[in-house]
Amino acid sequence: MNESTFQPEPDRQSLPTIVHDEPEWFVLNKPIGWHSVAARVTDGAQTVEQWLAESFPALQALPECGLVHRLDLSTSGCLLVARTAQMHQTLRDNFSAGFGGWSIEKKYLALATRGVESRGEFSLCFAGRHKGSAKVTVSEVGHRNERGTCRWCVVRAGAANIDATDPRAFDLVEVEVVGPGRRHQIRAGFGSLGHPLAGDSLYRGTELAKEWNENFAALHSWKLTITGIQVESPRPRWAELTR
């Protein structure tokens, strides 16, 4: 895909789709602009939980209709859903596992402010601020239940002489969340490193042209690997561009 062939088609009404189906679990591709579950403050956005309840009535008996984890409103991509109560608990336990047994591998794609080291890792603590604050506080020390680890590699370096709101002006980064994921771990983590995600105004990221990600943080849950089965959701348009 290149700029000359791209046709802006922002669509907040697109529906989740199943990208992989197993007898006891399946993976959805979540669109941007959807909550995973009902938010504390109703903003009119649709929720995956409600869509699951309407599409798969049997899942209503499970917590959050079988959702094993959550993605932010602005994050698209792989969302894991269990079909049974036993598998729901098993997958939740292993989604957060970092040591021993088996864990679920989680990889994301993100657009970060240019200049990220080609390869790197951070292990930081992510703590909630005062009640009602949308942001999290990032520090090097804290309780072990707040610690989150990410490894990354840059797969497309940002271009210097290009419109600042163009996706190609940012580094395209593949990020692996290692062990338990924390709220805003990738967004706040890269923000604390001085490379906030494109479109992420909460962490002072540079605005991304609206047609590319509807002014949301450019973050996509790209791959999940579950008991050796690798599931991949379609790459977002901003990740398909070449220099």
C-alpha atoms as a PDB file:
ATOM      1  CA  MET A   1       0.000   0.000   0.000  1.00  0.00           C
ATOM      2  CA  ASN A   2       1.257   3.523  -0.678  1.00  0.00           C
ATOM      3  CA  GLU A   3      -0.119   7.005  -0.211  1.00  0.00           C
ATOM      4  CA  SER A   4      -1.380   7.262  -3.790  1.00  0.00           C
ATOM      5  CA  THR A   5      -3.595   4.181  -3.467  1.00  0.00           C
ATOM      6  CA  PHE A   6      -4.876   4.790   0.078  1.00  0.00           C
ATOM      7  CA  GLN A   7      -8.499   5.859   0.347  1.00  0.00           C
ATOM      8  CA  PRO A   8      -9.474   7.208   3.782  1.00  0.00           C
ATOM      9  CA  GLU A   9     -12.277   5.059   5.162  1.00  0.00           C
ATOM     10  CA  PRO A  10     -12.625   5.765   8.876  1.00  0.00           C
ATOM     11  CA  ASP A  11     -15.330   3.416  10.134  1.00  0.00           C
ATOM     12  CA  ARG A  12     -16.330   3.316  13.778  1.00  0.00           C
ATOM     13  CA  GLN A  13     -19.218   0.973  12.854  1.00  0.00           C
ATOM     14  CA  SER A  14     -17.140  -2.021  11.724  1.00  0.00           C
ATOM     15  CA  LEU A  15     -17.870  -5.169  13.729  1.00  0.00           C
ATOM     16  CA  PRO A  16     -15.577  -7.640  15.479  1.00  0.00           C
ATOM     17  CA  THR A  17     -14.678 -10.663  13.378  1.00  0.00           C
ATOM     18  CA  ILE A  18     -13.415 -14.113  14.343  1.00  0.00           C
ATOM     19  CA  VAL A  19      -9.869 -14.685  13.092  1.00  0.00           C
ATOM     20  CA  HIS A  20      -9.307 -18.106  14.698  1.00  0.00           C
ATOM     21  CA  ASP A  21     -11.710 -20.658  16.167  1.00  0.00           C
ATOM     22  CA  GLU A  22     -11.018 -23.591  18.485  1.00  0.00           C
ATOM     23  CA  PRO A  23     -13.521 -25.841  20.318  1.00  0.00           C
ATOM     24  CA  GLU A  24     -12.894 -24.139  23.697  1.00  0.00           C
ATOM     25  CA  TRP A  25     -11.758 -20.666  22.684  1.00  0.00           C
ATOM     26  CA  PHE A  26     -11.579 -18.232  19.792  1.00  0.00           C
ATOM     27  CA  VAL A  27      -9.849 -14.975  18.903  1.00  0.00           C
ATOM     28  CA  LEU A  28     -11.624 -11.851  17.707  1.00  0.00           C
ATOM     29  CA  ASN A  29     -10.244  -8.965  15.710  1.00  0.00           C
ATOM     30  CA  LYS A  30     -11.446  -5.955  17.712  1.00  0.00           C
ATOM     31  CA  PRO A  31     -12.040  -2.718  15.795  1.00  0.00           C
ATOM     32  CA  ILE A  32     -10.758   0.586  17.153  1.00  0.00           C
ATOM     33  CA  GLY A  33     -13.405   2.683  18.873  1.00  0.00           C
ATOM     34  CA  TRP A  34     -14.912  -0.258  20.786  1.00  0.00           C
ATOM     35  CA  HIS A  35     -14.697  -0.795  24.535  1.00  0.00           C
ATOM     36  CA  SER A  36     -13.931  -4.340  25.648  1.00  0.00           C
ATOM     37  CA  VAL A  37     -16.508  -4.052  28.455  1.00  0.00           C
ATOM     38  CA  ALA A  38     -18.822  -1.286  29.616  1.00  0.00           C
ATOM     39  CA  ALA A  39     -16.922   1.818  30.679  1.00  0.00           C
ATOM     40  CA  ARG A  40     -17.603   3.684  33.919  1.00  0.00           C
ATOM     41  CA  VAL A  41     -18.676   6.697  31.906  1.00  0.00           C
ATOM     42  CA  THR A  42     -20.955   5.951  28.989  1.00  0.00           C
ATOM     43  CA  ASP A  43     -19.644   7.601  25.828  1.00  0.00           C
ATOM     44  CA  GLY A  44     -21.843   5.883  23.280  1.00  0.00           C
ATOM     45  CA  ALA A  45     -19.124   3.532  22.058  1.00  0.00           C
ATOM     46  CA  GLN A  46     -20.044  -0.097  21.489  1.00  0.00           C
ATOM     47  CA  THR A  47     -18.674  -2.884  23.687  1.00  0.00           C
ATOM     48  CA  VAL A  48     -17.314  -6.250  22.646  1.00  0.00           C
ATOM     49  CA  GLU A  49     -18.934  -7.816  25.716  1.00  0.00           C
ATOM     50  CA  GLN A  50     -22.396  -6.764  24.547  1.00  0.00           C
ATOM     51  CA  TRP A  51     -21.669  -7.900  21.001  1.00  0.00           C
ATOM     52  CA  LEU A  52     -20.644 -11.321  22.332  1.00  0.00           C
ATOM     53  CA  ALA A  53     -23.798 -11.535  24.444  1.00  0.00           C
ATOM     54  CA  GLU A  54     -25.954 -10.854  21.399  1.00  0.00           C
ATOM     55  CA  SER A  55     -23.955 -12.997  18.968  1.00  0.00           C
ATOM     56  CA  PHE A  56     -23.259 -15.980  21.265  1.00  0.00           C
ATOM     57  CA  PRO A  57     -26.005 -16.161  23.948  1.00  0.00           C
ATOM     58  CA  ALA A  58     -24.362 -19.164  25.656  1.00  0.00           C
ATOM     59  CA  LEU A  59     -21.417 -16.935  26.617  1.00  0.00           C
ATOM     60  CA  GLN A  60     -23.641 -14.793  28.845  1.00  0.00           C
ATOM     61  CA  ALA A  61     -23.082 -17.362  31.621  1.00  0.00           C
ATOM     62  CA  LEU A  62     -19.356 -16.559  31.697  1.00  0.00           C
ATOM     63  CA  PRO A  63     -17.660 -13.543  33.301  1.00  0.00           C
ATOM     64  CA  GLU A  64     -17.583 -10.703  30.754  1.00  0.00           C
ATOM     65  CA  CYS A  65     -19.015 -13.144  28.193  1.00  0.00           C
ATOM     66  CA  GLY A  66     -15.783 -15.139  28.139  1.00  0.00           C
ATOM     67  CA  LEU A  67     -13.322 -12.291  27.543  1.00  0.00           C
ATOM     68  CA  VAL A  68      -9.932 -13.430  28.803  1.00  0.00           C
ATOM     69  CA  HIS A  69      -8.357  -9.964  28.704  1.00  0.00           C
ATOM     70  CA  ARG A  70      -9.198  -6.424  27.612  1.00  0.00           C
ATOM     71  CA  LEU A  71      -7.971  -3.920  25.062  1.00  0.00           C
ATOM     72  CA  ASP A  72      -8.292  -0.137  25.295  1.00  0.00           C
ATOM     73  CA  LEU A  73     -10.907   1.738  23.295  1.00  0.00           C
ATOM     74  CA  SER A  74      -8.134   2.885  20.958  1.00  0.00           C
ATOM     75  CA  THR A  75      -6.461  -0.512  20.540  1.00  0.00           C
ATOM     76  CA  SER A  76      -7.432  -2.877  17.744  1.00  0.00           C
ATOM     77  CA  GLY A  77      -6.566  -6.510  17.122  1.00  0.00           C
ATOM     78  CA  CYS A  78      -6.497  -9.889  18.837  1.00  0.00           C
ATOM     79  CA  LEU A  79      -8.904 -10.400  21.721  1.00  0.00           C
ATOM     80  CA  LEU A  80      -9.107 -13.863  23.281  1.00  0.00           C
ATOM     81  CA  VAL A  81     -12.483 -15.351  24.270  1.00  0.00           C
ATOM     82  CA  ALA A  82     -13.132 -18.607  26.170  1.00  0.00           C
ATOM     83  CA  ARG A  83     -16.161 -20.802  25.489  1.00  0.00           C
ATOM     84  CA  THR A  84     -16.304 -22.578  28.875  1.00  0.00           C
ATOM     85  CA  ALA A  85     -15.869 -21.547  32.499  1.00  0.00           C
ATOM     86  CA  GLN A  86     -12.946 -23.937  33.001  1.00  0.00           C
ATOM     87  CA  MET A  87     -11.122 -22.697  29.923  1.00  0.00           C
ATOM     88  CA  HIS A  88     -11.847 -19.092  30.890  1.00  0.00           C
ATOM     89  CA  GLN A  89     -10.026 -19.579  34.197  1.00  0.00           C
ATOM     90  CA  THR A  90      -7.180 -21.539  32.579  1.00  0.00           C
ATOM     91  CA  LEU A  91      -6.600 -18.917  29.896  1.00  0.00           C
ATOM     92  CA  ARG A  92      -6.792 -16.035  32.366  1.00  0.00           C
ATOM     93  CA  ASP A  93      -4.215 -17.714  34.595  1.00  0.00           C
ATOM     94  CA  ASN A  94      -1.858 -18.332  31.718  1.00  0.00           C
ATOM     95  CA  PHE A  95      -2.425 -14.969  30.034  1.00  0.00           C
ATOM     96  CA  SER A  96      -0.717 -13.415  33.043  1.00  0.00           C
ATOM     97  CA  ALA A  97       1.913 -16.124  33.520  1.00  0.00           C
ATOM     98  CA  GLY A  98       5.524 -15.136  33.228  1.00  0.00           C
ATOM     99  CA  PHE A  99       7.313 -18.076  34.763  1.00  0.00           C
ATOM    100  CA  GLY A 100       6.665 -21.802  34.866  1.00  0.00           C
ATOM    101  CA  GLY A 101       3.921 -23.739  33.144  1.00  0.00           C
ATOM    102  CA  TRP A 102       2.957 -22.198  29.855  1.00  0.00           C
ATOM    103  CA  SER A 103       2.177 -18.612  29.019  1.00  0.00           C
ATOM    104  CA  ILE A 104       0.425 -16.870  26.165  1.00  0.00           C
ATOM    105  CA  GLU A 105       2.765 -14.876  23.927  1.00  0.00           C
ATOM    106  CA  LYS A 106       1.462 -11.379  23.195  1.00  0.00           C
ATOM    107  CA  LYS A 107       2.845  -9.181  20.423  1.00  0.00           C
ATOM    108  CA  TYR A 108       1.709  -5.726  19.374  1.00  0.00           C
ATOM    109  CA  LEU A 109       2.449  -3.219  16.642  1.00  0.00           C
ATOM    110  CA  ALA A 110       2.772   0.453  17.514  1.00  0.00           C
ATOM    111  CA  LEU A 111       3.805   3.752  15.979  1.00  0.00           C
ATOM    112  CA  ALA A 112       6.241   5.483  18.334  1.00  0.00           C
ATOM    113  CA  THR A 113       7.862   8.887  18.115  1.00  0.00           C
ATOM    114  CA  ARG A 114      10.958   8.598  15.921  1.00  0.00           C
ATOM    115  CA  GLY A 115      14.304   7.685  17.448  1.00  0.00           C
ATOM    116  CA  VAL A 116      13.489   4.488  19.345  1.00  0.00           C
ATOM    117  CA  GLU A 117      16.494   2.190  19.809  1.00  0.00           C
ATOM    118  CA  SER A 118      16.437  -0.608  17.226  1.00  0.00           C
ATOM    119  CA  ARG A 119      16.037  -3.203  19.997  1.00  0.00           C
ATOM    120  CA  GLY A 120      15.329  -2.782  23.665  1.00  0.00           C
ATOM    121  CA  GLU A 121      13.486  -3.783  26.802  1.00  0.00           C
ATOM    122  CA  PHE A 122      11.931  -2.021  29.760  1.00  0.00           C
ATOM    123  CA  SER A 123      10.702  -3.339  33.088  1.00  0.00           C
ATOM    124  CA  LEU A 124       8.775  -0.593  34.877  1.00  0.00           C
ATOM    125  CA  CYS A 125       6.044  -0.162  37.455  1.00  0.00           C
ATOM    126  CA  PHE A 126       2.629   1.127  36.374  1.00  0.00           C
ATOM    127  CA  ALA A 127       0.391   2.514  39.115  1.00  0.00           C
ATOM    128  CA  GLY A 128      -3.011   4.176  38.984  1.00  0.00           C
ATOM    129  CA  ARG A 129      -3.167   7.851  39.861  1.00  0.00           C
ATOM    130  CA  HIS A 130      -5.948   9.500  41.856  1.00  0.00           C
ATOM    131  CA  LYS A 131      -9.508   8.339  41.326  1.00  0.00           C
ATOM    132  CA  GLY A 132     -10.861   9.555  38.014  1.00  0.00           C
ATOM    133  CA  SER A 133      -7.460   9.992  36.336  1.00  0.00           C
ATOM    134  CA  ALA A 134      -7.142   8.267  32.969  1.00  0.00           C
ATOM    135  CA  LYS A 135      -3.346   8.173  33.116  1.00  0.00           C
ATOM    136  CA  VAL A 136      -1.036   5.826  34.967  1.00  0.00           C
ATOM    137  CA  THR A 137       2.167   6.767  36.767  1.00  0.00           C
ATOM    138  CA  VAL A 138       5.365   5.080  35.574  1.00  0.00           C
ATOM    139  CA  SER A 139       8.348   4.504  37.861  1.00  0.00           C
ATOM    140  CA  GLU A 140      11.383   2.263  38.094  1.00  0.00           C
ATOM    141  CA  VAL A 141      10.487   0.995  41.564  1.00  0.00           C
ATOM    142  CA  GLY A 142       7.210  -0.200  42.996  1.00  0.00           C
ATOM    143  CA  HIS A 143       5.194  -3.210  44.038  1.00  0.00           C
ATOM    144  CA  ARG A 144       5.790  -6.384  42.046  1.00  0.00           C
ATOM    145  CA  ASN A 145       2.091  -6.476  41.130  1.00  0.00           C
ATOM    146  CA  GLU A 146       2.610  -3.184  39.280  1.00  0.00           C
ATOM    147  CA  ARG A 147       5.637  -4.268  37.256  1.00  0.00           C
ATOM    148  CA  GLY A 148       5.318  -4.757  33.513  1.00  0.00           C
ATOM    149  CA  THR A 149       7.981  -5.823  31.028  1.00  0.00           C
ATOM    150  CA  CYS A 150       8.153  -5.181  27.284  1.00  0.00           C
ATOM    151  CA  ARG A 151      10.679  -6.109  24.619  1.00  0.00           C
ATOM    152  CA  TRP A 152      10.677  -4.392  21.254  1.00  0.00           C
ATOM    153  CA  CYS A 153      12.329  -4.105  17.874  1.00  0.00           C
ATOM    154  CA  VAL A 154      11.920  -1.394  15.254  1.00  0.00           C
ATOM    155  CA  VAL A 155      10.646  -2.827  11.971  1.00  0.00           C
ATOM    156  CA  ARG A 156      10.402   0.456  10.046  1.00  0.00           C
ATOM    157  CA  ALA A 157      12.346   3.550  11.049  1.00  0.00           C
ATOM    158  CA  GLY A 158      10.540   6.865  10.794  1.00  0.00           C
ATOM    159  CA  ALA A 159      11.424   9.321   8.041  1.00  0.00           C
ATOM    160  CA  ALA A 160      12.701  12.771   9.022  1.00  0.00           C
ATOM    161  CA  ASN A 161      11.603  14.852   6.032  1.00  0.00           C
ATOM    162  CA  ILE A 162       7.885  14.067   5.953  1.00  0.00           C
ATOM    163  CA  ASP A 163       4.659  15.516   7.325  1.00  0.00           C
ATOM    164  CA  ALA A 164       4.718  15.023  11.102  1.00  0.00           C
ATOM    165  CA  THR A 165       1.233  13.489  11.099  1.00  0.00           C
ATOM    166  CA  ASP A 166       2.068  10.873   8.439  1.00  0.00           C
ATOM    167  CA  PRO A 167       2.480   7.319   9.815  1.00  0.00           C
ATOM    168  CA  ARG A 168       5.842   7.070   8.042  1.00  0.00           C
ATOM    169  CA  ALA A 169       7.174   9.871  10.257  1.00  0.00           C
ATOM    170  CA  PHE A 170       7.038   7.481  13.235  1.00  0.00           C
ATOM    171  CA  ASP A 171       8.973   4.329  14.074  1.00  0.00           C
ATOM    172  CA  LEU A 172       6.915   1.182  13.486  1.00  0.00           C
ATOM    173  CA  VAL A 173       7.701  -1.010  16.482  1.00  0.00           C
ATOM    174  CA  GLU A 174       6.925  -4.653  17.256  1.00  0.00           C
ATOM    175  CA  VAL A 175       6.396  -4.987  21.004  1.00  0.00           C
ATOM    176  CA  GLU A 176       6.159  -8.152  23.084  1.00  0.00           C
ATOM    177  CA  VAL A 177       4.443  -7.941  26.467  1.00  0.00           C
ATOM    178  CA  VAL A 178       6.315 -10.362  28.719  1.00  0.00           C
ATOM    179  CA  GLY A 179       4.329 -11.866  31.582  1.00  0.00           C
ATOM    180  CA  PRO A 180       1.415 -10.012  33.167  1.00  0.00           C
ATOM    181  CA  GLY A 181       0.218  -6.995  31.243  1.00  0.00           C
ATOM    182  CA  ARG A 182      -0.491  -3.738  33.071  1.00  0.00           C
ATOM    183  CA  ARG A 183      -2.915  -0.975  32.248  1.00  0.00           C
ATOM    184  CA  HIS A 184      -1.479   1.302  29.536  1.00  0.00           C
ATOM    185  CA  GLN A 185       1.792  -0.627  29.734  1.00  0.00           C
ATOM    186  CA  ILE A 186       2.919   0.013  26.156  1.00  0.00           C
ATOM    187  CA  ARG A 187       1.436   3.508  25.883  1.00  0.00           C
ATOM    188  CA  ALA A 188       2.736   4.804  29.208  1.00  0.00           C
ATOM    189  CA  GLY A 189       5.993   2.857  28.943  1.00  0.00           C
ATOM    190  CA  PHE A 190       7.017   4.361  25.611  1.00  0.00           C
ATOM    191  CA  GLY A 191       5.787   7.752  26.786  1.00  0.00           C
ATOM    192  CA  SER A 192       8.117   7.533  29.779  1.00  0.00           C
ATOM    193  CA  LEU A 193      11.016   6.750  27.415  1.00  0.00           C
ATOM    194  CA  GLY A 194      10.330   9.945  25.479  1.00  0.00           C
ATOM    195  CA  HIS A 195       8.756   8.150  22.508  1.00  0.00           C
ATOM    196  CA  PRO A 196       4.977   8.349  23.007  1.00  0.00           C
ATOM    197  CA  LEU A 197       2.727   6.621  20.520  1.00  0.00           C
ATOM    198  CA  ALA A 198       1.324   8.484  17.541  1.00  0.00           C
ATOM    199  CA  GLY A 199      -2.079   9.943  18.289  1.00  0.00           C
ATOM    200  CA  ASP A 200      -1.809   9.269  22.018  1.00  0.00           C
ATOM    201  CA  SER A 201      -2.736  12.667  23.431  1.00  0.00           C
ATOM    202  CA  LEU A 202      -2.993  11.208  26.962  1.00  0.00           C
ATOM    203  CA  TYR A 203       0.778  10.653  26.992  1.00  0.00           C
ATOM    204  CA  ARG A 204       1.655  13.666  24.806  1.00  0.00           C
ATOM    205  CA  GLY A 205       1.994  11.810  21.542  1.00  0.00           C
ATOM    206  CA  THR A 206       2.045  13.738  18.254  1.00  0.00           C
ATOM    207  CA  GLU A 207      -1.275  13.806  16.450  1.00  0.00           C
ATOM    208  CA  LEU A 208      -1.661  11.250  13.671  1.00  0.00           C
ATOM    209  CA  ALA A 209      -3.678  12.236  10.608  1.00  0.00           C
ATOM    210  CA  LYS A 210      -7.257  11.293  11.508  1.00  0.00           C
ATOM    211  CA  GLU A 211      -7.896   9.111   8.450  1.00  0.00           C
ATOM    212  CA  TRP A 212      -5.250   6.661   9.613  1.00  0.00           C
ATOM    213  CA  ASN A 213      -6.463   5.866  13.128  1.00  0.00           C
ATOM    214  CA  GLU A 214      -9.303   8.252  13.973  1.00  0.00           C
ATOM    215  CA  ASN A 215      -7.110  10.222  16.382  1.00  0.00           C
ATOM    216  CA  PHE A 216      -6.556   7.209  18.640  1.00  0.00           C
ATOM    217  CA  ALA A 217      -3.209   5.936  19.895  1.00  0.00           C
ATOM    218  CA  ALA A 218      -1.643   3.810  17.128  1.00  0.00           C
ATOM    219  CA  LEU A 219      -1.530   0.445  18.892  1.00  0.00           C
ATOM    220  CA  HIS A 220      -2.592  -2.948  17.541  1.00  0.00           C
ATOM    221  CA  SER A 221      -2.725  -6.353  19.249  1.00  0.00           C
ATOM    222  CA  TRP A 222      -1.098  -8.242  16.413  1.00  0.00           C
ATOM    223  CA  LYS A 223      -0.324 -11.817  17.495  1.00  0.00           C
ATOM    224  CA  LEU A 224      -1.266 -14.258  20.230  1.00  0.00           C
ATOM    225  CA  THR A 225       0.412 -17.647  20.604  1.00  0.00           C
ATOM    226  CA  ILE A 226      -1.664 -20.069  22.674  1.00  0.00           C
ATOM    227  CA  THR A 227      -0.327 -23.596  23.365  1.00  0.00           C
ATOM    228  CA  GLY A 228       1.757 -23.360  20.207  1.00  0.00           C
ATOM    229  CA  ILE A 229      -1.066 -22.011  18.029  1.00  0.00           C
ATOM    230  CA  GLN A 230      -0.147 -18.621  16.589  1.00  0.00           C
ATOM    231  CA  VAL A 231      -3.057 -16.340  15.768  1.00  0.00           C
ATOM    232  CA  GLU A 232      -2.549 -13.128  13.823  1.00  0.00           C
ATOM    233  CA  SER A 233      -4.987 -10.311  13.217  1.00  0.00           C
ATOM    234  CA  PRO A 234      -4.804  -8.207  10.028  1.00  0.00           C
ATOM    235  CA  ARG A 235      -2.174  -5.497  10.253  1.00  0.00           C
ATOM    236  CA  PRO A 236      -3.588  -1.962  10.430  1.00  0.00           C
ATOM    237  CA  ARG A 237      -3.190   0.284   7.412  1.00  0.00           C
ATOM    238  CA  TRP A 238      -0.485   2.362   9.066  1.00  0.00           C
ATOM    239  CA  ALA A 239       1.657  -0.755   9.516  1.00  0.00           C
ATOM    240  CA  GLU A 240       1.502  -1.682   5.829  1.00  0.00           C
ATOM    241  CA  LEU A 241       3.208   1.435   4.496  1.00  0.00           C
ATOM    242  CA  THR A 242       6.744   1.366   3.163  1.00  0.00           C
ATOM    243  CA  ARG A 243       9.197   4.234   3.161  1.00  0.00           C
END
